[in-house]
PDB file of all heavy atoms in Angstrom:
ATOM      1  N   ARG A   1       0.831  -1.208   0.000  1.00  0.00           N
ATOM      2  CA  ARG A   1       0.000   0.000   0.000  1.00  0.00           C
ATOM      3  C   ARG A   1       0.864   1.256   0.000  1.00  0.00           C
ATOM      4  O   ARG A   1       0.581   2.233  -0.688  1.00  0.00           O
ATOM      5  CB  ARG A   1      -0.929  -0.017   1.223  1.00  0.00           C
ATOM      6  CG  ARG A   1      -1.905  -1.187   1.210  1.00  0.00           C
ATOM      7  CD  ARG A   1      -2.728  -1.230   2.488  1.00  0.00           C
ATOM      8  NE  ARG A   1      -3.499  -2.476   2.563  1.00  0.00           N
ATOM      9  CZ  ARG A   1      -3.028  -3.601   3.059  1.00  0.00           C
ATOM     10  NH1 ARG A   1      -1.801  -3.652   3.516  1.00  0.00           N
ATOM     11  NH2 ARG A   1      -3.782  -4.688   3.098  1.00  0.00           N
ATOM     12  N   LEU A   2       1.932   1.227   0.802  1.00  0.00           N
ATOM     13  CA  LEU A   2       2.816   2.383   0.858  1.00  0.00           C
ATOM     14  C   LEU A   2       3.569   2.553  -0.455  1.00  0.00           C
ATOM     15  O   LEU A   2       3.744   3.668  -0.945  1.00  0.00           O
ATOM     16  CB  LEU A   2       3.796   2.234   2.019  1.00  0.00           C
ATOM     17  CG  LEU A   2       4.735   3.428   2.271  1.00  0.00           C
ATOM     18  CD1 LEU A   2       3.924   4.708   2.427  1.00  0.00           C
ATOM     19  CD2 LEU A   2       5.576   3.178   3.507  1.00  0.00           C
ATOM     20  N   LEU A   3       4.005   1.431  -1.044  1.00  0.00           N
ATOM     21  CA  LEU A   3       4.694   1.504  -2.329  1.00  0.00           C
ATOM     22  C   LEU A   3       3.785   2.131  -3.387  1.00  0.00           C
ATOM     23  O   LEU A   3       4.208   2.980  -4.176  1.00  0.00           O
ATOM     24  CB  LEU A   3       5.122   0.106  -2.784  1.00  0.00           C
ATOM     25  CG  LEU A   3       6.328  -0.501  -2.071  1.00  0.00           C
ATOM     26  CD1 LEU A   3       6.439  -1.979  -2.405  1.00  0.00           C
ATOM     27  CD2 LEU A   3       7.588   0.229  -2.439  1.00  0.00           C
ATOM     28  N   ILE A   4       2.509   1.730  -3.372  1.00  0.00           N
ATOM     29  CA  ILE A   4       1.546   2.273  -4.337  1.00  0.00           C
ATOM     30  C   ILE A   4       1.337   3.757  -4.081  1.00  0.00           C
ATOM     31  O   ILE A   4       1.277   4.579  -4.995  1.00  0.00           O
ATOM     32  CB  ILE A   4       0.211   1.506  -4.257  1.00  0.00           C
ATOM     33  CG1 ILE A   4       0.406   0.083  -4.800  1.00  0.00           C
ATOM     34  CG2 ILE A   4      -0.882   2.226  -5.041  1.00  0.00           C
ATOM     35  CD1 ILE A   4      -0.788  -0.821  -4.599  1.00  0.00           C
ATOM     36  N   ALA A   5       1.228   4.127  -2.795  1.00  0.00           N
ATOM     37  CA  ALA A   5       1.015   5.523  -2.443  1.00  0.00           C
ATOM     38  C   ALA A   5       2.184   6.384  -2.887  1.00  0.00           C
ATOM     39  O   ALA A   5       2.014   7.484  -3.412  1.00  0.00           O
ATOM     40  CB  ALA A   5       0.802   5.655  -0.938  1.00  0.00           C
ATOM     41  N   VAL A   6       3.401   5.883  -2.680  1.00  0.00           N
ATOM     42  CA  VAL A   6       4.593   6.624  -3.098  1.00  0.00           C
ATOM     43  C   VAL A   6       4.609   6.805  -4.606  1.00  0.00           C
ATOM     44  O   VAL A   6       4.884   7.873  -5.135  1.00  0.00           O
ATOM     45  CB  VAL A   6       5.872   5.899  -2.626  1.00  0.00           C
ATOM     46  CG1 VAL A   6       7.101   6.528  -3.247  1.00  0.00           C
ATOM     47  CG2 VAL A   6       5.969   5.960  -1.099  1.00  0.00           C
ATOM     48  N   THR A   7       4.279   5.724  -5.332  1.00  0.00           N
ATOM     49  CA  THR A   7       4.241   5.794  -6.795  1.00  0.00           C
ATOM     50  C   THR A   7       3.189   6.789  -7.269  1.00  0.00           C
ATOM     51  O   THR A   7       3.422   7.596  -8.166  1.00  0.00           O
ATOM     52  CB  THR A   7       3.937   4.403  -7.378  1.00  0.00           C
ATOM     53  OG1 THR A   7       4.936   3.495  -6.923  1.00  0.00           O
ATOM     54  CG2 THR A   7       3.949   4.441  -8.900  1.00  0.00           C
ATOM     55  N   ALA A   8       2.011   6.739  -6.630  1.00  0.00           N
ATOM     56  CA  ALA A   8       0.902   7.607  -7.037  1.00  0.00           C
ATOM     57  C   ALA A   8       1.247   9.073  -6.819  1.00  0.00           C
ATOM     58  O   ALA A   8       0.781   9.950  -7.544  1.00  0.00           O
ATOM     59  CB  ALA A   8      -0.360   7.248  -6.266  1.00  0.00           C
ATOM     60  N   SER A   9       2.086   9.363  -5.836  1.00  0.00           N
ATOM     61  CA  SER A   9       2.404  10.752  -5.512  1.00  0.00           C
ATOM     62  C   SER A   9       3.120  11.448  -6.664  1.00  0.00           C
ATOM     63  O   SER A   9       3.102  12.662  -6.766  1.00  0.00           O
ATOM     64  CB  SER A   9       3.267  10.817  -4.252  1.00  0.00           C
ATOM     65  OG  SER A   9       4.555  10.315  -4.504  1.00  0.00           O
ATOM     66  N   PHE A  10       3.724  10.671  -7.556  1.00  0.00           N
ATOM     67  CA  PHE A  10       4.423  11.263  -8.692  1.00  0.00           C
ATOM     68  C   PHE A  10       3.476  11.631  -9.838  1.00  0.00           C
ATOM     69  O   PHE A  10       3.878  12.248 -10.798  1.00  0.00           O
ATOM     70  CB  PHE A  10       5.503  10.295  -9.218  1.00  0.00           C
ATOM     71  CG  PHE A  10       6.645  10.112  -8.267  1.00  0.00           C
ATOM     72  CD1 PHE A  10       6.739   8.980  -7.471  1.00  0.00           C
ATOM     73  CD2 PHE A  10       7.620  11.092  -8.140  1.00  0.00           C
ATOM     74  CE1 PHE A  10       7.790   8.820  -6.579  1.00  0.00           C
ATOM     75  CE2 PHE A  10       8.685  10.928  -7.257  1.00  0.00           C
ATOM     76  CZ  PHE A  10       8.761   9.799  -6.470  1.00  0.00           C
ATOM     77  N   ALA A  11       2.211  11.259  -9.712  1.00  0.00           N
ATOM     78  CA  ALA A  11       1.261  11.478 -10.804  1.00  0.00           C
ATOM     79  C   ALA A  11       0.656  12.865 -10.777  1.00  0.00           C
ATOM     80  O   ALA A  11      -0.003  13.280 -11.728  1.00  0.00           O
ATOM     81  CB  ALA A  11       0.134  10.436 -10.742  1.00  0.00           C
ATOM     82  N   PHE A  12       0.859  13.624  -9.697  1.00  0.00           N
ATOM     83  CA  PHE A  12       0.180  14.905  -9.566  1.00  0.00           C
ATOM     84  C   PHE A  12       0.746  15.967 -10.491  1.00  0.00           C
ATOM     85  O   PHE A  12       0.222  17.066 -10.568  1.00  0.00           O
ATOM     86  CB  PHE A  12       0.233  15.379  -8.110  1.00  0.00           C
ATOM     87  CG  PHE A  12      -0.598  14.522  -7.198  1.00  0.00           C
ATOM     88  CD1 PHE A  12      -0.006  13.823  -6.153  1.00  0.00           C
ATOM     89  CD2 PHE A  12      -1.957  14.398  -7.404  1.00  0.00           C
ATOM     90  CE1 PHE A  12      -0.774  13.030  -5.316  1.00  0.00           C
ATOM     91  CE2 PHE A  12      -2.726  13.597  -6.569  1.00  0.00           C
ATOM     92  CZ  PHE A  12      -2.139  12.917  -5.524  1.00  0.00           C
ATOM     93  N   GLY A  13       1.844  15.699 -11.183  1.00  0.00           N
ATOM     94  CA  GLY A  13       2.403  16.669 -12.114  1.00  0.00           C
ATOM     95  C   GLY A  13       1.613  16.765 -13.397  1.00  0.00           C
ATOM     96  O   GLY A  13       1.944  17.547 -14.267  1.00  0.00           O
ATOM     97  N   GLY A  14       0.559  15.963 -13.543  1.00  0.00           N
ATOM     98  CA  GLY A  14      -0.282  16.022 -14.729  1.00  0.00           C
ATOM     99  C   GLY A  14       0.022  14.931 -15.729  1.00  0.00           C
ATOM    100  O   GLY A  14      -0.655  14.809 -16.732  1.00  0.00           O
ATOM    101  N   HIS A  15       1.048  14.137 -15.479  1.00  0.00           N
ATOM    102  CA  HIS A  15       1.388  13.047 -16.391  1.00  0.00           C
ATOM    103  C   HIS A  15       1.227  11.725 -15.664  1.00  0.00           C
ATOM    104  O   HIS A  15       1.695  11.565 -14.543  1.00  0.00           O
ATOM    105  CB  HIS A  15       2.832  13.177 -16.890  1.00  0.00           C
ATOM    106  CG  HIS A  15       3.093  14.460 -17.609  1.00  0.00           C
ATOM    107  ND1 HIS A  15       2.680  14.682 -18.898  1.00  0.00           N
ATOM    108  CD2 HIS A  15       3.701  15.612 -17.203  1.00  0.00           C
ATOM    109  CE1 HIS A  15       3.027  15.907 -19.274  1.00  0.00           C
ATOM    110  NE2 HIS A  15       3.646  16.490 -18.253  1.00  0.00           N
ATOM    111  N   ALA A  16       0.588  10.771 -16.301  1.00  0.00           N
ATOM    112  CA  ALA A  16       0.429   9.446 -15.694  1.00  0.00           C
ATOM    113  C   ALA A  16       1.783   8.762 -15.638  1.00  0.00           C
ATOM    114  O   ALA A  16       2.581   8.880 -16.567  1.00  0.00           O
ATOM    115  CB  ALA A  16      -0.546   8.602 -16.519  1.00  0.00           C
ATOM    116  N   PRO A  17       2.077   8.076 -14.524  1.00  0.00           N
ATOM    117  CA  PRO A  17       3.365   7.389 -14.428  1.00  0.00           C
ATOM    118  C   PRO A  17       3.447   6.227 -15.406  1.00  0.00           C
ATOM    119  O   PRO A  17       2.436   5.656 -15.807  1.00  0.00           O
ATOM    120  CB  PRO A  17       3.371   6.870 -12.980  1.00  0.00           C
ATOM    121  CG  PRO A  17       1.930   6.760 -12.606  1.00  0.00           C
ATOM    122  CD  PRO A  17       1.233   7.864 -13.336  1.00  0.00           C
ATOM    123  N   ALA A  18       4.664   5.909 -15.802  1.00  0.00           N
ATOM    124  CA  ALA A  18       4.851   4.777 -16.718  1.00  0.00           C
ATOM    125  C   ALA A  18       4.462   3.485 -16.014  1.00  0.00           C
ATOM    126  O   ALA A  18       4.429   3.414 -14.792  1.00  0.00           O
ATOM    127  CB  ALA A  18       6.315   4.722 -17.153  1.00  0.00           C
ATOM    128  N   GLN A  19       4.151   2.466 -16.815  1.00  0.00           N
ATOM    129  CA  GLN A  19       3.821   1.147 -16.272  1.00  0.00           C
ATOM    130  C   GLN A  19       4.958   0.681 -15.351  1.00  0.00           C
ATOM    131  O   GLN A  19       6.119   0.674 -15.740  1.00  0.00           O
ATOM    132  CB  GLN A  19       3.659   0.151 -17.421  1.00  0.00           C
ATOM    133  CG  GLN A  19       3.421  -1.280 -16.975  1.00  0.00           C
ATOM    134  CD  GLN A  19       1.983  -1.532 -16.562  1.00  0.00           C
ATOM    135  OE1 GLN A  19       1.087  -0.844 -17.009  1.00  0.00           O
ATOM    136  NE2 GLN A  19       1.761  -2.520 -15.709  1.00  0.00           N
ATOM    137  N   ASP A  20       4.587   0.331 -14.122  1.00  0.00           N
ATOM    138  CA  ASP A  20       5.589  -0.095 -13.134  1.00  0.00           C
ATOM    139  C   ASP A  20       5.908  -1.564 -13.378  1.00  0.00           C
ATOM    140  O   ASP A  20       5.123  -2.436 -13.015  1.00  0.00           O
ATOM    141  CB  ASP A  20       5.034   0.119 -11.726  1.00  0.00           C
ATOM    142  CG  ASP A  20       6.021  -0.318 -10.653  1.00  0.00           C
ATOM    143  OD1 ASP A  20       7.219  -0.352 -10.961  1.00  0.00           O
ATOM    144  OD2 ASP A  20       5.584  -0.626  -9.540  1.00  0.00           O
ATOM    145  N   LYS A  21       7.043  -1.820 -13.993  1.00  0.00           N
ATOM    146  CA  LYS A  21       7.433  -3.197 -14.290  1.00  0.00           C
ATOM    147  C   LYS A  21       8.302  -3.706 -13.154  1.00  0.00           C
ATOM    148  O   LYS A  21       9.520  -3.853 -13.278  1.00  0.00           O
ATOM    149  CB  LYS A  21       8.169  -3.287 -15.627  1.00  0.00           C
ATOM    150  CG  LYS A  21       8.210  -4.709 -16.188  1.00  0.00           C
ATOM    151  CD  LYS A  21       8.737  -4.737 -17.599  1.00  0.00           C
ATOM    152  CE  LYS A  21       8.703  -6.170 -18.154  1.00  0.00           C
ATOM    153  NZ  LYS A  21       9.295  -6.275 -19.494  1.00  0.00           N
ATOM    154  N   SER A  22       7.631  -3.931 -12.015  1.00  0.00           N
ATOM    155  CA  SER A  22       8.352  -4.389 -10.840  1.00  0.00           C
ATOM    156  C   SER A  22       7.438  -5.282 -10.015  1.00  0.00           C
ATOM    157  O   SER A  22       6.214  -5.221 -10.135  1.00  0.00           O
ATOM    158  CB  SER A  22       8.830  -3.210 -10.002  1.00  0.00           C
ATOM    159  OG  SER A  22       7.712  -2.541  -9.434  1.00  0.00           O
ATOM    160  N   ILE A  23       8.053  -6.117  -9.190  1.00  0.00           N
ATOM    161  CA  ILE A  23       7.292  -6.973  -8.287  1.00  0.00           C
ATOM    162  C   ILE A  23       7.897  -6.890  -6.889  1.00  0.00           C
ATOM    163  O   ILE A  23       9.050  -6.501  -6.716  1.00  0.00           O
ATOM    164  CB  ILE A  23       7.274  -8.452  -8.752  1.00  0.00           C
ATOM    165  CG1 ILE A  23       8.704  -8.998  -8.879  1.00  0.00           C
ATOM    166  CG2 ILE A  23       6.494  -8.608 -10.047  1.00  0.00           C
ATOM    167  CD1 ILE A  23       8.771 -10.503  -9.148  1.00  0.00           C
ATOM    168  N   VAL A  24       7.077  -7.244  -5.902  1.00  0.00           N
ATOM    169  CA  VAL A  24       7.540  -7.338  -4.522  1.00  0.00           C
ATOM    170  C   VAL A  24       7.654  -8.815  -4.171  1.00  0.00           C
ATOM    171  O   VAL A  24       6.692  -9.581  -4.344  1.00  0.00           O
ATOM    172  CB  VAL A  24       6.570  -6.633  -3.556  1.00  0.00           C
ATOM    173  CG1 VAL A  24       7.016  -6.841  -2.106  1.00  0.00           C
ATOM    174  CG2 VAL A  24       6.485  -5.141  -3.876  1.00  0.00           C
ATOM    175  N   VAL A  25       8.823  -9.219  -3.701  1.00  0.00           N
ATOM    176  CA  VAL A  25       9.054 -10.598  -3.281  1.00  0.00           C
ATOM    177  C   VAL A  25       9.319 -10.613  -1.777  1.00  0.00           C
ATOM    178  O   VAL A  25      10.282  -9.998  -1.310  1.00  0.00           O
ATOM    179  CB  VAL A  25      10.239 -11.235  -4.036  1.00  0.00           C
ATOM    180  CG1 VAL A  25      10.548 -12.622  -3.484  1.00  0.00           C
ATOM    181  CG2 VAL A  25       9.934 -11.325  -5.529  1.00  0.00           C
ATOM    182  N   ALA A  26       8.447 -11.290  -1.030  1.00  0.00           N
ATOM    183  CA  ALA A  26       8.675 -11.496   0.398  1.00  0.00           C
ATOM    184  C   ALA A  26       9.537 -12.747   0.534  1.00  0.00           C
ATOM    185  O   ALA A  26       9.157 -13.826   0.085  1.00  0.00           O
ATOM    186  CB  ALA A  26       7.344 -11.666   1.137  1.00  0.00           C
ATOM    187  N   SER A  27      10.707 -12.579   1.126  1.00  0.00           N
ATOM    188  CA  SER A  27      11.632 -13.705   1.206  1.00  0.00           C
ATOM    189  C   SER A  27      12.310 -13.749   2.562  1.00  0.00           C
ATOM    190  O   SER A  27      12.080 -12.898   3.422  1.00  0.00           O
ATOM    191  CB  SER A  27      12.668 -13.621   0.083  1.00  0.00           C
ATOM    192  OG  SER A  27      13.417 -14.820  -0.016  1.00  0.00           O
ATOM    193  N   THR A  28      13.135 -14.753   2.742  1.00  0.00           N
ATOM    194  CA  THR A  28      13.788 -14.971   4.027  1.00  0.00           C
ATOM    195  C   THR A  28      15.022 -14.083   4.157  1.00  0.00           C
ATOM    196  O   THR A  28      15.588 -13.629   3.166  1.00  0.00           O
ATOM    197  CB  THR A  28      14.233 -16.437   4.159  1.00  0.00           C
ATOM    198  OG1 THR A  28      15.375 -16.650   3.333  1.00  0.00           O
ATOM    199  CG2 THR A  28      13.132 -17.378   3.734  1.00  0.00           C
ATOM    200  N   THR A  29      15.447 -13.888   5.387  1.00  0.00           N
ATOM    201  CA  THR A  29      16.676 -13.119   5.586  1.00  0.00           C
ATOM    202  C   THR A  29      17.884 -13.864   5.040  1.00  0.00           C
ATOM    203  O   THR A  29      18.878 -13.242   4.665  1.00  0.00           O
ATOM    204  CB  THR A  29      16.882 -12.797   7.081  1.00  0.00           C
ATOM    205  OG1 THR A  29      16.984 -14.016   7.813  1.00  0.00           O
ATOM    206  CG2 THR A  29      15.738 -11.972   7.631  1.00  0.00           C
ATOM    207  N   SER A  30      17.788 -15.192   4.961  1.00  0.00           N
ATOM    208  CA  SER A  30      18.952 -15.961   4.505  1.00  0.00           C
ATOM    209  C   SER A  30      19.233 -15.758   3.023  1.00  0.00           C
ATOM    210  O   SER A  30      20.399 -15.714   2.611  1.00  0.00           O
ATOM    211  CB  SER A  30      18.772 -17.455   4.808  1.00  0.00           C
ATOM    212  OG  SER A  30      17.637 -17.982   4.173  1.00  0.00           O
ATOM    213  N   THR A  31      18.199 -15.629   2.202  1.00  0.00           N
ATOM    214  CA  THR A  31      18.430 -15.396   0.779  1.00  0.00           C
ATOM    215  C   THR A  31      19.022 -14.009   0.546  1.00  0.00           C
ATOM    216  O   THR A  31      19.793 -13.803  -0.386  1.00  0.00           O
ATOM    217  CB  THR A  31      17.133 -15.564  -0.028  1.00  0.00           C
ATOM    218  OG1 THR A  31      16.078 -14.868   0.629  1.00  0.00           O
ATOM    219  CG2 THR A  31      16.746 -17.015  -0.195  1.00  0.00           C
ATOM    220  N   GLN A  32      18.640 -13.072   1.419  1.00  0.00           N
ATOM    221  CA  GLN A  32      19.182 -11.713   1.322  1.00  0.00           C
ATOM    222  C   GLN A  32      20.575 -11.633   1.946  1.00  0.00           C
ATOM    223  O   GLN A  32      21.525 -11.151   1.326  1.00  0.00           O
ATOM    224  CB  GLN A  32      18.233 -10.741   2.033  1.00  0.00           C
ATOM    225  CG  GLN A  32      18.676  -9.287   1.992  1.00  0.00           C
ATOM    226  CD  GLN A  32      18.216  -8.578   0.735  1.00  0.00           C
ATOM    227  OE1 GLN A  32      18.138  -9.169  -0.344  1.00  0.00           O
ATOM    228  NE2 GLN A  32      17.932  -7.303   0.849  1.00  0.00           N
ATOM    229  N   ASP A  33      20.694 -12.110   3.199  1.00  0.00           N
ATOM    230  CA  ASP A  33      21.957 -11.981   3.928  1.00  0.00           C
ATOM    231  C   ASP A  33      23.089 -12.784   3.286  1.00  0.00           C
ATOM    232  O   ASP A  33      24.269 -12.423   3.419  1.00  0.00           O
ATOM    233  CB  ASP A  33      21.791 -12.436   5.383  1.00  0.00           C
ATOM    234  CG  ASP A  33      20.926 -11.492   6.205  1.00  0.00           C
ATOM    235  OD1 ASP A  33      20.628 -10.384   5.711  1.00  0.00           O
ATOM    236  OD2 ASP A  33      20.534 -11.864   7.321  1.00  0.00           O
ATOM    237  N   SER A  34      22.757 -13.861   2.611  1.00  0.00           N
ATOM    238  CA  SER A  34      23.784 -14.686   1.972  1.00  0.00           C
ATOM    239  C   SER A  34      24.351 -14.033   0.716  1.00  0.00           C
ATOM    240  O   SER A  34      25.405 -14.434   0.217  1.00  0.00           O
ATOM    241  CB  SER A  34      23.188 -16.049   1.578  1.00  0.00           C
ATOM    242  OG  SER A  34      22.197 -15.885   0.573  1.00  0.00           O
TER     243      SER A  34
END
């Protein structure tokens, strides 16, 4: 929700933001820390 809100905040300049080609992956600390 916060990620969407942050992205939406850039739309107030009058131009629609580009398609967000990104995903959120919830993962373990071990895959990150390693």
